[in-house]
């Protein structure tokens, strides 16, 4: 009897946890972009800090609250995000963000219009008193558009958390796919296409070992992506490099601080753009996506021939491994 009660409690906790996941901001929509992608749009390169959902190329399509909460603030005429609403969710202690909107809804729209009549096309941020404008899960809060840097109508969706670091507050953007109740039904193809070593490029194939020459230190960059269905291409969630059975370098796009938004060149190499991701497997800097960087430890221990593995992973559990041999040039 006791075992049955424990099993029932576990099942109830699993059901509860699943029921607490965020709703996608657009009903019956699909993913068009992922977290951490390289963006060369706007004034300067930056990370894509959210995930994008299709609004079926429509302006004015309903945008829904991901969970119960209240309006935290709005942005008007932001150069990247355009018109944006931020909701705070006390049950999670998280903020959800909905960007590139054409308009807001209800009282928020009235306030926004009043501010626009004063500031015109100038950027404005409006913060609201705590718990003043409440929203319910699934409630329409705004309408899709292409404000800011968006080239076609869609909804940009983020999950943010604010943490204390000493006397300061740090705002961290998390990969929203970890939180949203979304199942990808389209076919997926995760792959590494090419690898660069000190400006020389080599094709990668899953069924063969690729020899990569290097001089003093392998400065590697991999061209990799995941294709979903016919029209969507996203960046892999995790990229790892193992050399001589040791994990040497690892990137994971699970979180990025807002003050790191304009540091994509720490991760991405030459030739990267909105459609192509050249992901560096080395760095002299540190930002949140870089989880492991042990080049300084192993640089002087490399042999003439060094078996290696390049490992790609996505958020759905797919793993691809490419066999390499790093060969020291004499």
C-alpha atoms as a PDB file:
ATOM      1  CA  UNK A   1       0.000   0.000   0.000  1.00  0.00           C
ATOM      2  CA  UNK A   2       2.833   2.383   0.914  1.00  0.00           C
ATOM      3  CA  UNK A   3       4.535   1.727  -2.442  1.00  0.00           C
ATOM      4  CA  UNK A   4       1.298   2.506  -4.286  1.00  0.00           C
ATOM      5  CA  UNK A   5       0.961   5.828  -2.450  1.00  0.00           C
ATOM      6  CA  UNK A   6       4.565   6.764  -3.302  1.00  0.00           C
ATOM      7  CA  UNK A   7       4.085   5.831  -6.967  1.00  0.00           C
ATOM      8  CA  UNK A   8       0.854   7.865  -7.085  1.00  0.00           C
ATOM      9  CA  UNK A   9       2.591  10.890  -5.596  1.00  0.00           C
ATOM     10  CA  UNK A  10       5.419  10.635  -8.129  1.00  0.00           C
ATOM     11  CA  UNK A  11       2.954  10.410 -11.012  1.00  0.00           C
ATOM     12  CA  UNK A  12       1.005  13.378  -9.672  1.00  0.00           C
ATOM     13  CA  UNK A  13       4.192  15.432  -9.398  1.00  0.00           C
ATOM     14  CA  UNK A  14       5.099  14.577 -13.008  1.00  0.00           C
ATOM     15  CA  UNK A  15       1.628  15.569 -14.230  1.00  0.00           C
ATOM     16  CA  UNK A  16       1.790  18.786 -12.181  1.00  0.00           C
ATOM     17  CA  UNK A  17       5.228  19.676 -13.544  1.00  0.00           C
ATOM     18  CA  UNK A  18       4.067  19.099 -17.115  1.00  0.00           C
ATOM     19  CA  UNK A  19       0.917  21.152 -16.580  1.00  0.00           C
ATOM     20  CA  UNK A  20       3.055  24.033 -15.309  1.00  0.00           C
ATOM     21  CA  UNK A  21       4.988  24.428 -18.555  1.00  0.00           C
ATOM     22  CA  UNK A  22       4.482  27.674 -20.479  1.00  0.00           C
ATOM     23  CA  UNK A  23       2.061  27.876 -23.375  1.00  0.00           C
ATOM     24  CA  UNK A  24       3.545  28.832 -26.751  1.00  0.00           C
ATOM     25  CA  UNK A  25       2.751  32.507 -27.477  1.00  0.00           C
ATOM     26  CA  UNK A  26       0.997  31.669 -30.758  1.00  0.00           C
ATOM     27  CA  UNK A  27      -1.666  28.974 -30.813  1.00  0.00           C
ATOM     28  CA  UNK A  28      -0.990  25.951 -33.059  1.00  0.00           C
ATOM     29  CA  UNK A  29       2.220  27.537 -34.359  1.00  0.00           C
ATOM     30  CA  UNK A  30       5.710  26.175 -35.036  1.00  0.00           C
ATOM     31  CA  UNK A  31       9.317  27.101 -34.286  1.00  0.00           C
ATOM     32  CA  UNK A  32      11.183  29.212 -36.861  1.00  0.00           C
ATOM     33  CA  UNK A  33      14.356  30.206 -34.947  1.00  0.00           C
ATOM     34  CA  UNK A  34      16.238  28.990 -31.889  1.00  0.00           C
ATOM     35  CA  UNK A  35      18.085  30.470 -28.944  1.00  0.00           C
ATOM     36  CA  UNK A  36      21.683  31.662 -29.364  1.00  0.00           C
ATOM     37  CA  UNK A  37      21.707  32.011 -33.143  1.00  0.00           C
ATOM     38  CA  UNK A  38      23.997  34.546 -34.813  1.00  0.00           C
ATOM     39  CA  UNK A  39      22.310  37.731 -36.002  1.00  0.00           C
ATOM     40  CA  UNK A  40      23.994  40.260 -38.297  1.00  0.00           C
ATOM     41  CA  UNK A  41      20.861  42.371 -38.626  1.00  0.00           C
ATOM     42  CA  UNK A  42      20.421  45.785 -37.034  1.00  0.00           C
ATOM     43  CA  UNK A  43      23.285  48.091 -36.052  1.00  0.00           C
ATOM     44  CA  UNK A  44      25.760  45.373 -35.021  1.00  0.00           C
ATOM     45  CA  UNK A  45      25.993  41.575 -34.673  1.00  0.00           C
ATOM     46  CA  UNK A  46      24.259  40.020 -31.680  1.00  0.00           C
ATOM     47  CA  UNK A  47      22.918  36.780 -30.250  1.00  0.00           C
ATOM     48  CA  UNK A  48      19.305  35.834 -30.876  1.00  0.00           C
ATOM     49  CA  UNK A  49      18.112  35.734 -27.277  1.00  0.00           C
ATOM     50  CA  UNK A  50      14.777  34.049 -27.819  1.00  0.00           C
ATOM     51  CA  UNK A  51      12.925  31.526 -29.902  1.00  0.00           C
ATOM     52  CA  UNK A  52      10.656  32.579 -32.747  1.00  0.00           C
ATOM     53  CA  UNK A  53       7.174  31.309 -33.524  1.00  0.00           C
ATOM     54  CA  UNK A  54       5.410  31.789 -36.833  1.00  0.00           C
ATOM     55  CA  UNK A  55       2.444  34.137 -36.964  1.00  0.00           C
ATOM     56  CA  UNK A  56       1.712  32.644 -40.396  1.00  0.00           C
ATOM     57  CA  UNK A  57       3.164  35.800 -42.035  1.00  0.00           C
ATOM     58  CA  UNK A  58       0.302  37.795 -40.590  1.00  0.00           C
ATOM     59  CA  UNK A  59       0.294  41.131 -38.815  1.00  0.00           C
ATOM     60  CA  UNK A  60      -2.356  41.303 -36.095  1.00  0.00           C
ATOM     61  CA  UNK A  61      -2.403  37.593 -35.202  1.00  0.00           C
ATOM     62  CA  UNK A  62      -3.271  37.024 -31.499  1.00  0.00           C
ATOM     63  CA  UNK A  63      -0.374  36.628 -29.039  1.00  0.00           C
ATOM     64  CA  UNK A  64      -1.175  34.744 -25.825  1.00  0.00           C
ATOM     65  CA  UNK A  65       0.195  34.914 -22.275  1.00  0.00           C
ATOM     66  CA  UNK A  66       2.384  31.896 -21.502  1.00  0.00           C
ATOM     67  CA  UNK A  67       1.159  31.687 -17.904  1.00  0.00           C
ATOM     68  CA  UNK A  68      -0.694  33.597 -15.189  1.00  0.00           C
ATOM     69  CA  UNK A  69       1.023  36.801 -14.129  1.00  0.00           C
ATOM     70  CA  UNK A  70       0.993  40.536 -14.608  1.00  0.00           C
ATOM     71  CA  UNK A  71       2.375  43.136 -17.023  1.00  0.00           C
ATOM     72  CA  UNK A  72       5.878  44.047 -15.858  1.00  0.00           C
ATOM     73  CA  UNK A  73       6.801  46.590 -18.531  1.00  0.00           C
ATOM     74  CA  UNK A  74       6.566  47.373 -22.242  1.00  0.00           C
ATOM     75  CA  UNK A  75       9.000  48.695 -24.799  1.00  0.00           C
ATOM     76  CA  UNK A  76       7.903  50.949 -27.624  1.00  0.00           C
ATOM     77  CA  UNK A  77      10.043  51.469 -30.749  1.00  0.00           C
ATOM     78  CA  UNK A  78      13.022  49.405 -29.548  1.00  0.00           C
ATOM     79  CA  UNK A  79      15.535  49.231 -32.424  1.00  0.00           C
ATOM     80  CA  UNK A  80      15.877  45.413 -32.180  1.00  0.00           C
ATOM     81  CA  UNK A  81      12.766  44.199 -30.331  1.00  0.00           C
ATOM     82  CA  UNK A  82      10.270  46.762 -31.615  1.00  0.00           C
ATOM     83  CA  UNK A  83       7.067  46.880 -29.583  1.00  0.00           C
ATOM     84  CA  UNK A  84       7.482  44.402 -26.730  1.00  0.00           C
ATOM     85  CA  UNK A  85       5.565  43.297 -23.652  1.00  0.00           C
ATOM     86  CA  UNK A  86       7.177  41.746 -20.558  1.00  0.00           C
ATOM     87  CA  UNK A  87       5.075  39.625 -18.188  1.00  0.00           C
ATOM     88  CA  UNK A  88       6.168  38.602 -14.702  1.00  0.00           C
ATOM     89  CA  UNK A  89       5.021  35.205 -13.423  1.00  0.00           C
ATOM     90  CA  UNK A  90       5.172  34.994  -9.593  1.00  0.00           C
ATOM     91  CA  UNK A  91       4.632  31.219  -9.574  1.00  0.00           C
ATOM     92  CA  UNK A  92       7.900  30.775 -11.483  1.00  0.00           C
ATOM     93  CA  UNK A  93       9.789  33.952 -10.550  1.00  0.00           C
ATOM     94  CA  UNK A  94      10.403  34.347 -14.290  1.00  0.00           C
ATOM     95  CA  UNK A  95       9.669  36.961 -16.940  1.00  0.00           C
ATOM     96  CA  UNK A  96       8.351  36.135 -20.411  1.00  0.00           C
ATOM     97  CA  UNK A  97       8.969  38.482 -23.331  1.00  0.00           C
ATOM     98  CA  UNK A  98       6.913  38.920 -26.522  1.00  0.00           C
ATOM     99  CA  UNK A  99       8.527  41.059 -29.233  1.00  0.00           C
ATOM    100  CA  UNK A 100       8.044  42.531 -32.744  1.00  0.00           C
ATOM    101  CA  UNK A 101       4.395  43.271 -31.942  1.00  0.00           C
ATOM    102  CA  UNK A 102       2.123  45.453 -34.040  1.00  0.00           C
ATOM    103  CA  UNK A 103       0.039  46.493 -31.036  1.00  0.00           C
ATOM    104  CA  UNK A 104      -0.826  45.688 -27.444  1.00  0.00           C
ATOM    105  CA  UNK A 105      -4.282  45.002 -26.005  1.00  0.00           C
ATOM    106  CA  UNK A 106      -6.709  46.729 -23.665  1.00  0.00           C
ATOM    107  CA  UNK A 107      -5.391  49.201 -21.102  1.00  0.00           C
ATOM    108  CA  UNK A 108      -1.768  48.547 -22.120  1.00  0.00           C
ATOM    109  CA  UNK A 109      -2.579  49.616 -25.692  1.00  0.00           C
ATOM    110  CA  UNK A 110      -4.283  52.785 -24.431  1.00  0.00           C
ATOM    111  CA  UNK A 111      -1.227  53.692 -22.347  1.00  0.00           C
ATOM    112  CA  UNK A 112       1.141  52.881 -25.222  1.00  0.00           C
ATOM    113  CA  UNK A 113      -0.828  55.082 -27.630  1.00  0.00           C
ATOM    114  CA  UNK A 114      -0.751  57.930 -25.131  1.00  0.00           C
ATOM    115  CA  UNK A 115       3.045  57.652 -24.847  1.00  0.00           C
ATOM    116  CA  UNK A 116       3.490  57.361 -28.634  1.00  0.00           C
ATOM    117  CA  UNK A 117       1.540  60.617 -29.077  1.00  0.00           C
ATOM    118  CA  UNK A 118       4.231  62.263 -26.939  1.00  0.00           C
ATOM    119  CA  UNK A 119       7.448  60.544 -28.102  1.00  0.00           C
ATOM    120  CA  UNK A 120       6.623  59.590 -31.709  1.00  0.00           C
ATOM    121  CA  UNK A 121       9.175  57.086 -33.041  1.00  0.00           C
ATOM    122  CA  UNK A 122      11.549  57.481 -30.085  1.00  0.00           C
ATOM    123  CA  UNK A 123      12.238  54.487 -27.867  1.00  0.00           C
ATOM    124  CA  UNK A 124      10.263  54.416 -24.626  1.00  0.00           C
ATOM    125  CA  UNK A 125      10.113  51.996 -21.699  1.00  0.00           C
ATOM    126  CA  UNK A 126       7.025  51.965 -19.496  1.00  0.00           C
ATOM    127  CA  UNK A 127       7.125  50.096 -16.187  1.00  0.00           C
ATOM    128  CA  UNK A 128       3.897  49.125 -14.441  1.00  0.00           C
ATOM    129  CA  UNK A 129       3.159  48.803 -10.717  1.00  0.00           C
ATOM    130  CA  UNK A 130       3.432  45.288  -9.352  1.00  0.00           C
ATOM    131  CA  UNK A 131       0.326  43.153  -9.859  1.00  0.00           C
ATOM    132  CA  UNK A 132      -1.670  46.051 -11.345  1.00  0.00           C
ATOM    133  CA  UNK A 133      -2.541  44.629 -14.774  1.00  0.00           C
ATOM    134  CA  UNK A 134      -3.078  40.898 -14.320  1.00  0.00           C
ATOM    135  CA  UNK A 135      -3.195  38.378 -17.153  1.00  0.00           C
ATOM    136  CA  UNK A 136      -4.322  34.764 -17.263  1.00  0.00           C
ATOM    137  CA  UNK A 137      -2.632  31.848 -19.001  1.00  0.00           C
ATOM    138  CA  UNK A 138      -3.710  31.802 -22.643  1.00  0.00           C
ATOM    139  CA  UNK A 139      -5.183  35.320 -22.554  1.00  0.00           C
ATOM    140  CA  UNK A 140      -4.608  37.515 -25.629  1.00  0.00           C
ATOM    141  CA  UNK A 141      -2.133  40.225 -24.591  1.00  0.00           C
ATOM    142  CA  UNK A 142      -1.007  41.656 -27.950  1.00  0.00           C
ATOM    143  CA  UNK A 143      -0.912  41.147 -31.711  1.00  0.00           C
ATOM    144  CA  UNK A 144       1.889  39.976 -33.996  1.00  0.00           C
ATOM    145  CA  UNK A 145       3.856  42.318 -36.220  1.00  0.00           C
ATOM    146  CA  UNK A 146       7.294  43.074 -37.606  1.00  0.00           C
ATOM    147  CA  UNK A 147       8.368  46.043 -35.493  1.00  0.00           C
ATOM    148  CA  UNK A 148      12.041  46.472 -34.604  1.00  0.00           C
ATOM    149  CA  UNK A 149      14.444  44.523 -36.806  1.00  0.00           C
ATOM    150  CA  UNK A 150      11.939  41.835 -37.878  1.00  0.00           C
ATOM    151  CA  UNK A 151      11.813  41.408 -41.649  1.00  0.00           C
ATOM    152  CA  UNK A 152       8.619  39.323 -41.690  1.00  0.00           C
ATOM    153  CA  UNK A 153       5.803  39.120 -39.124  1.00  0.00           C
ATOM    154  CA  UNK A 154       6.470  36.636 -36.313  1.00  0.00           C
ATOM    155  CA  UNK A 155       6.556  36.454 -32.507  1.00  0.00           C
ATOM    156  CA  UNK A 156       9.880  36.500 -30.679  1.00  0.00           C
ATOM    157  CA  UNK A 157       9.548  34.783 -27.271  1.00  0.00           C
ATOM    158  CA  UNK A 158      11.988  34.838 -24.344  1.00  0.00           C
ATOM    159  CA  UNK A 159      12.224  33.583 -20.775  1.00  0.00           C
ATOM    160  CA  UNK A 160      14.272  35.761 -18.415  1.00  0.00           C
ATOM    161  CA  UNK A 161      15.301  35.549 -14.790  1.00  0.00           C
ATOM    162  CA  UNK A 162      16.822  38.208 -12.568  1.00  0.00           C
ATOM    163  CA  UNK A 163      19.522  37.139 -10.128  1.00  0.00           C
ATOM    164  CA  UNK A 164      21.497  39.073  -7.552  1.00  0.00           C
ATOM    165  CA  UNK A 165      25.265  39.342  -7.973  1.00  0.00           C
ATOM    166  CA  UNK A 166      26.555  41.212  -4.962  1.00  0.00           C
ATOM    167  CA  UNK A 167      24.672  44.495  -4.844  1.00  0.00           C
ATOM    168  CA  UNK A 168      23.741  44.311  -8.511  1.00  0.00           C
ATOM    169  CA  UNK A 169      20.999  42.521 -10.387  1.00  0.00           C
ATOM    170  CA  UNK A 170      21.947  40.373 -13.358  1.00  0.00           C
ATOM    171  CA  UNK A 171      19.371  39.580 -16.033  1.00  0.00           C
ATOM    172  CA  UNK A 172      19.810  36.174 -17.645  1.00  0.00           C
ATOM    173  CA  UNK A 173      17.920  34.962 -20.717  1.00  0.00           C
ATOM    174  CA  UNK A 174      17.251  31.222 -20.733  1.00  0.00           C
ATOM    175  CA  UNK A 175      16.536  28.968 -23.687  1.00  0.00           C
ATOM    176  CA  UNK A 176      12.734  29.227 -23.807  1.00  0.00           C
ATOM    177  CA  UNK A 177      12.451  25.729 -25.310  1.00  0.00           C
ATOM    178  CA  UNK A 178      13.295  24.396 -21.843  1.00  0.00           C
ATOM    179  CA  UNK A 179      10.097  25.936 -20.497  1.00  0.00           C
ATOM    180  CA  UNK A 180       7.520  26.031 -23.269  1.00  0.00           C
ATOM    181  CA  UNK A 181       5.080  23.182 -23.933  1.00  0.00           C
ATOM    182  CA  UNK A 182       6.144  22.576 -27.520  1.00  0.00           C
ATOM    183  CA  UNK A 183       6.648  19.302 -29.375  1.00  0.00           C
ATOM    184  CA  UNK A 184       8.545  19.399 -32.679  1.00  0.00           C
ATOM    185  CA  UNK A 185       6.774  17.119 -35.159  1.00  0.00           C
ATOM    186  CA  UNK A 186       8.749  17.948 -38.312  1.00  0.00           C
ATOM    187  CA  UNK A 187      11.713  15.830 -39.495  1.00  0.00           C
ATOM    188  CA  UNK A 188      15.058  17.017 -38.105  1.00  0.00           C
ATOM    189  CA  UNK A 189      18.615  16.708 -39.439  1.00  0.00           C
ATOM    190  CA  UNK A 190      21.490  17.646 -37.123  1.00  0.00           C
ATOM    191  CA  UNK A 191      24.831  17.847 -38.891  1.00  0.00           C
ATOM    192  CA  UNK A 192      28.312  19.324 -39.096  1.00  0.00           C
ATOM    193  CA  UNK A 193      29.179  20.208 -42.685  1.00  0.00           C
ATOM    194  CA  UNK A 194      32.739  21.540 -42.614  1.00  0.00           C
ATOM    195  CA  UNK A 195      35.523  22.272 -40.172  1.00  0.00           C
ATOM    196  CA  UNK A 196      38.204  24.952 -40.393  1.00  0.00           C
ATOM    197  CA  UNK A 197      41.713  24.665 -38.976  1.00  0.00           C
ATOM    198  CA  UNK A 198      43.851  27.783 -39.116  1.00  0.00           C
ATOM    199  CA  UNK A 199      41.922  29.050 -42.196  1.00  0.00           C
ATOM    200  CA  UNK A 200      41.940  25.723 -44.078  1.00  0.00           C
ATOM    201  CA  UNK A 201      38.565  24.055 -44.603  1.00  0.00           C
ATOM    202  CA  UNK A 202      37.759  20.323 -44.587  1.00  0.00           C
ATOM    203  CA  UNK A 203      34.499  18.490 -45.267  1.00  0.00           C
ATOM    204  CA  UNK A 204      33.060  16.338 -42.513  1.00  0.00           C
ATOM    205  CA  UNK A 205      31.383  12.975 -42.992  1.00  0.00           C
ATOM    206  CA  UNK A 206      29.812  10.843 -40.275  1.00  0.00           C
ATOM    207  CA  UNK A 207      31.171   7.543 -41.577  1.00  0.00           C
ATOM    208  CA  UNK A 208      34.830   8.452 -41.886  1.00  0.00           C
ATOM    209  CA  UNK A 209      37.696   9.891 -39.851  1.00  0.00           C
ATOM    210  CA  UNK A 210      38.792  13.373 -40.932  1.00  0.00           C
ATOM    211  CA  UNK A 211      42.433  14.346 -40.516  1.00  0.00           C
ATOM    212  CA  UNK A 212      42.903  17.965 -39.477  1.00  0.00           C
ATOM    213  CA  UNK A 213      46.428  19.435 -39.681  1.00  0.00           C
ATOM    214  CA  UNK A 214      47.558  22.117 -37.248  1.00  0.00           C
ATOM    215  CA  UNK A 215      50.746  23.989 -36.369  1.00  0.00           C
ATOM    216  CA  UNK A 216      51.212  25.048 -32.737  1.00  0.00           C
ATOM    217  CA  UNK A 217      47.552  25.179 -31.625  1.00  0.00           C
ATOM    218  CA  UNK A 218      44.450  23.968 -33.505  1.00  0.00           C
ATOM    219  CA  UNK A 219      42.177  26.976 -34.040  1.00  0.00           C
ATOM    220  CA  UNK A 220      39.083  25.083 -35.106  1.00  0.00           C
ATOM    221  CA  UNK A 221      35.655  26.290 -36.198  1.00  0.00           C
ATOM    222  CA  UNK A 222      32.790  24.059 -37.307  1.00  0.00           C
ATOM    223  CA  UNK A 223      29.986  24.877 -39.716  1.00  0.00           C
ATOM    224  CA  UNK A 224      26.969  23.165 -38.169  1.00  0.00           C
ATOM    225  CA  UNK A 225      23.198  23.450 -37.950  1.00  0.00           C
ATOM    226  CA  UNK A 226      19.973  21.534 -37.520  1.00  0.00           C
ATOM    227  CA  UNK A 227      17.436  21.563 -40.343  1.00  0.00           C
ATOM    228  CA  UNK A 228      13.796  21.194 -39.345  1.00  0.00           C
ATOM    229  CA  UNK A 229      11.222  20.414 -42.006  1.00  0.00           C
ATOM    230  CA  UNK A 230      11.664  22.254 -45.298  1.00  0.00           C
ATOM    231  CA  UNK A 231      12.201  25.850 -44.214  1.00  0.00           C
ATOM    232  CA  UNK A 232      13.706  26.064 -40.717  1.00  0.00           C
ATOM    233  CA  UNK A 233      17.383  25.984 -39.729  1.00  0.00           C
ATOM    234  CA  UNK A 234      18.554  26.383 -36.125  1.00  0.00           C
ATOM    235  CA  UNK A 235      21.865  26.269 -34.265  1.00  0.00           C
ATOM    236  CA  UNK A 236      22.775  23.049 -32.362  1.00  0.00           C
ATOM    237  CA  UNK A 237      22.056  23.261 -28.641  1.00  0.00           C
ATOM    238  CA  UNK A 238      25.478  21.888 -27.580  1.00  0.00           C
ATOM    239  CA  UNK A 239      28.850  21.487 -29.336  1.00  0.00           C
ATOM    240  CA  UNK A 240      31.685  19.567 -27.651  1.00  0.00           C
ATOM    241  CA  UNK A 241      35.259  18.728 -28.610  1.00  0.00           C
ATOM    242  CA  UNK A 242      37.088  15.782 -27.058  1.00  0.00           C
ATOM    243  CA  UNK A 243      40.804  15.249 -27.703  1.00  0.00           C
ATOM    244  CA  UNK A 244      42.695  12.146 -26.536  1.00  0.00           C
ATOM    245  CA  UNK A 245      39.593  11.075 -24.557  1.00  0.00           C
ATOM    246  CA  UNK A 246      39.416  14.385 -22.674  1.00  0.00           C
ATOM    247  CA  UNK A 247      36.726  17.048 -22.910  1.00  0.00           C
ATOM    248  CA  UNK A 248      38.619  20.133 -24.042  1.00  0.00           C
ATOM    249  CA  UNK A 249      35.957  22.589 -25.184  1.00  0.00           C
ATOM    250  CA  UNK A 250      32.179  22.805 -24.871  1.00  0.00           C
ATOM    251  CA  UNK A 251      29.513  25.345 -25.761  1.00  0.00           C
ATOM    252  CA  UNK A 252      25.890  25.074 -24.700  1.00  0.00           C
ATOM    253  CA  UNK A 253      23.217  27.583 -25.651  1.00  0.00           C
ATOM    254  CA  UNK A 254      21.161  27.273 -22.476  1.00  0.00           C
ATOM    255  CA  UNK A 255      21.569  30.798 -21.078  1.00  0.00           C
ATOM    256  CA  UNK A 256      23.039  34.179 -22.077  1.00  0.00           C
ATOM    257  CA  UNK A 257      23.290  37.287 -19.919  1.00  0.00           C
ATOM    258  CA  UNK A 258      21.646  40.376 -21.392  1.00  0.00           C
ATOM    259  CA  UNK A 259      24.961  42.233 -21.158  1.00  0.00           C
ATOM    260  CA  UNK A 260      26.495  39.532 -23.403  1.00  0.00           C
ATOM    261  CA  UNK A 261      23.976  40.071 -26.206  1.00  0.00           C
ATOM    262  CA  UNK A 262      26.453  41.948 -28.403  1.00  0.00           C
ATOM    263  CA  UNK A 263      29.322  39.451 -27.936  1.00  0.00           C
ATOM    264  CA  UNK A 264      28.499  36.805 -30.586  1.00  0.00           C
ATOM    265  CA  UNK A 265      31.981  36.966 -32.102  1.00  0.00           C
ATOM    266  CA  UNK A 266      33.273  35.275 -28.956  1.00  0.00           C
ATOM    267  CA  UNK A 267      31.398  32.166 -30.127  1.00  0.00           C
ATOM    268  CA  UNK A 268      30.980  32.585 -33.886  1.00  0.00           C
ATOM    269  CA  UNK A 269      33.753  32.795 -36.482  1.00  0.00           C
ATOM    270  CA  UNK A 270      34.226  34.500 -39.835  1.00  0.00           C
ATOM    271  CA  UNK A 271      31.518  33.825 -42.400  1.00  0.00           C
ATOM    272  CA  UNK A 272      28.704  33.571 -39.856  1.00  0.00           C
ATOM    273  CA  UNK A 273      25.404  35.225 -40.658  1.00  0.00           C
ATOM    274  CA  UNK A 274      21.700  34.710 -40.069  1.00  0.00           C
ATOM    275  CA  UNK A 275      21.766  31.599 -42.298  1.00  0.00           C
ATOM    276  CA  UNK A 276      25.255  30.170 -41.616  1.00  0.00           C
ATOM    277  CA  UNK A 277      26.823  29.297 -38.248  1.00  0.00           C
ATOM    278  CA  UNK A 278      30.598  28.941 -37.991  1.00  0.00           C
ATOM    279  CA  UNK A 279      31.046  27.991 -34.342  1.00  0.00           C
ATOM    280  CA  UNK A 280      34.529  28.440 -32.903  1.00  0.00           C
ATOM    281  CA  UNK A 281      35.976  25.600 -30.825  1.00  0.00           C
ATOM    282  CA  UNK A 282      38.386  27.879 -28.976  1.00  0.00           C
ATOM    283  CA  UNK A 283      38.185  31.226 -27.196  1.00  0.00           C
ATOM    284  CA  UNK A 284      40.375  33.602 -25.211  1.00  0.00           C
ATOM    285  CA  UNK A 285      37.290  35.108 -23.540  1.00  0.00           C
ATOM    286  CA  UNK A 286      34.582  33.720 -21.307  1.00  0.00           C
ATOM    287  CA  UNK A 287      30.849  34.203 -21.642  1.00  0.00           C
ATOM    288  CA  UNK A 288      27.945  32.124 -20.337  1.00  0.00           C
ATOM    289  CA  UNK A 289      27.571  29.632 -23.261  1.00  0.00           C
ATOM    290  CA  UNK A 290      31.219  28.546 -22.934  1.00  0.00           C
ATOM    291  CA  UNK A 291      31.038  25.732 -20.382  1.00  0.00           C
ATOM    292  CA  UNK A 292      34.472  24.142 -20.809  1.00  0.00           C
ATOM    293  CA  UNK A 293      37.671  25.715 -22.160  1.00  0.00           C
ATOM    294  CA  UNK A 294      40.799  23.689 -21.344  1.00  0.00           C
ATOM    295  CA  UNK A 295      43.041  24.660 -24.240  1.00  0.00           C
ATOM    296  CA  UNK A 296      45.577  26.255 -21.895  1.00  0.00           C
ATOM    297  CA  UNK A 297      45.873  22.941 -20.025  1.00  0.00           C
ATOM    298  CA  UNK A 298      46.382  20.681 -23.020  1.00  0.00           C
ATOM    299  CA  UNK A 299      48.078  22.959 -25.578  1.00  0.00           C
ATOM    300  CA  UNK A 300      51.575  21.706 -24.714  1.00  0.00           C
ATOM    301  CA  UNK A 301      50.577  18.065 -24.273  1.00  0.00           C
ATOM    302  CA  UNK A 302      49.340  17.476 -27.819  1.00  0.00           C
ATOM    303  CA  UNK A 303      51.006  14.601 -29.633  1.00  0.00           C
ATOM    304  CA  UNK A 304      51.864  14.215 -33.310  1.00  0.00           C
ATOM    305  CA  UNK A 305      48.511  12.475 -33.849  1.00  0.00           C
ATOM    306  CA  UNK A 306      45.556  13.182 -31.558  1.00  0.00           C
ATOM    307  CA  UNK A 307      42.292  11.238 -31.900  1.00  0.00           C
ATOM    308  CA  UNK A 308      39.348  13.584 -31.374  1.00  0.00           C
ATOM    309  CA  UNK A 309      35.565  13.683 -31.433  1.00  0.00           C
ATOM    310  CA  UNK A 310      33.280  16.522 -32.431  1.00  0.00           C
ATOM    311  CA  UNK A 311      29.898  16.034 -30.759  1.00  0.00           C
ATOM    312  CA  UNK A 312      26.679  17.852 -31.648  1.00  0.00           C
ATOM    313  CA  UNK A 313      23.521  17.655 -29.540  1.00  0.00           C
ATOM    314  CA  UNK A 314      20.073  19.193 -29.812  1.00  0.00           C
ATOM    315  CA  UNK A 315      17.511  19.939 -27.112  1.00  0.00           C
ATOM    316  CA  UNK A 316      15.437  16.877 -28.102  1.00  0.00           C
ATOM    317  CA  UNK A 317      18.223  14.397 -27.300  1.00  0.00           C
ATOM    318  CA  UNK A 318      19.669  13.811 -30.777  1.00  0.00           C
ATOM    319  CA  UNK A 319      23.469  13.296 -30.778  1.00  0.00           C
ATOM    320  CA  UNK A 320      25.853  13.271 -33.757  1.00  0.00           C
ATOM    321  CA  UNK A 321      29.522  12.311 -33.420  1.00  0.00           C
ATOM    322  CA  UNK A 322      32.256  13.034 -35.962  1.00  0.00           C
ATOM    323  CA  UNK A 323      35.640  11.317 -35.692  1.00  0.00           C
ATOM    324  CA  UNK A 324      38.750  13.451 -36.192  1.00  0.00           C
ATOM    325  CA  UNK A 325      42.506  13.135 -35.914  1.00  0.00           C
ATOM    326  CA  UNK A 326      44.408  16.328 -35.192  1.00  0.00           C
ATOM    327  CA  UNK A 327      47.783  15.985 -36.901  1.00  0.00           C
ATOM    328  CA  UNK A 328      50.690  18.203 -35.879  1.00  0.00           C
ATOM    329  CA  UNK A 329      52.575  19.586 -38.863  1.00  0.00           C
ATOM    330  CA  UNK A 330      56.349  19.355 -38.623  1.00  0.00           C
END
